[in-house]
Amino acid sequence: MSLRAIITDNVFRYFLLMGGLVATENLMTTYQNTGRVDLLGSALQFVVVVIFAILLIAYWNYMDRRAEEA
């Protein structure tokens, strides 16, 4: 499966949206509790969400193709 097909998938976009919102919420909570901005932590959290989203959607599409072949 190509990266272009994954990026155009709506589920991937929802994963990115939710990952971005959670990373932003985590950034604001950290700032509120400590008074520091943890951009690196939020960026790493977002990258992990992107990686898991790509893997999960690639797996879903693979299983969907297998089901259609059977």
Foldseek 3Di string as FASTA:
>chain_A
DDPVVLVPDPVLVVLLVVLLVVLVVVQVVCCVVPVDGDPVVSVVSSVVSNVVSSVVVVVVVVVVVVVVVD
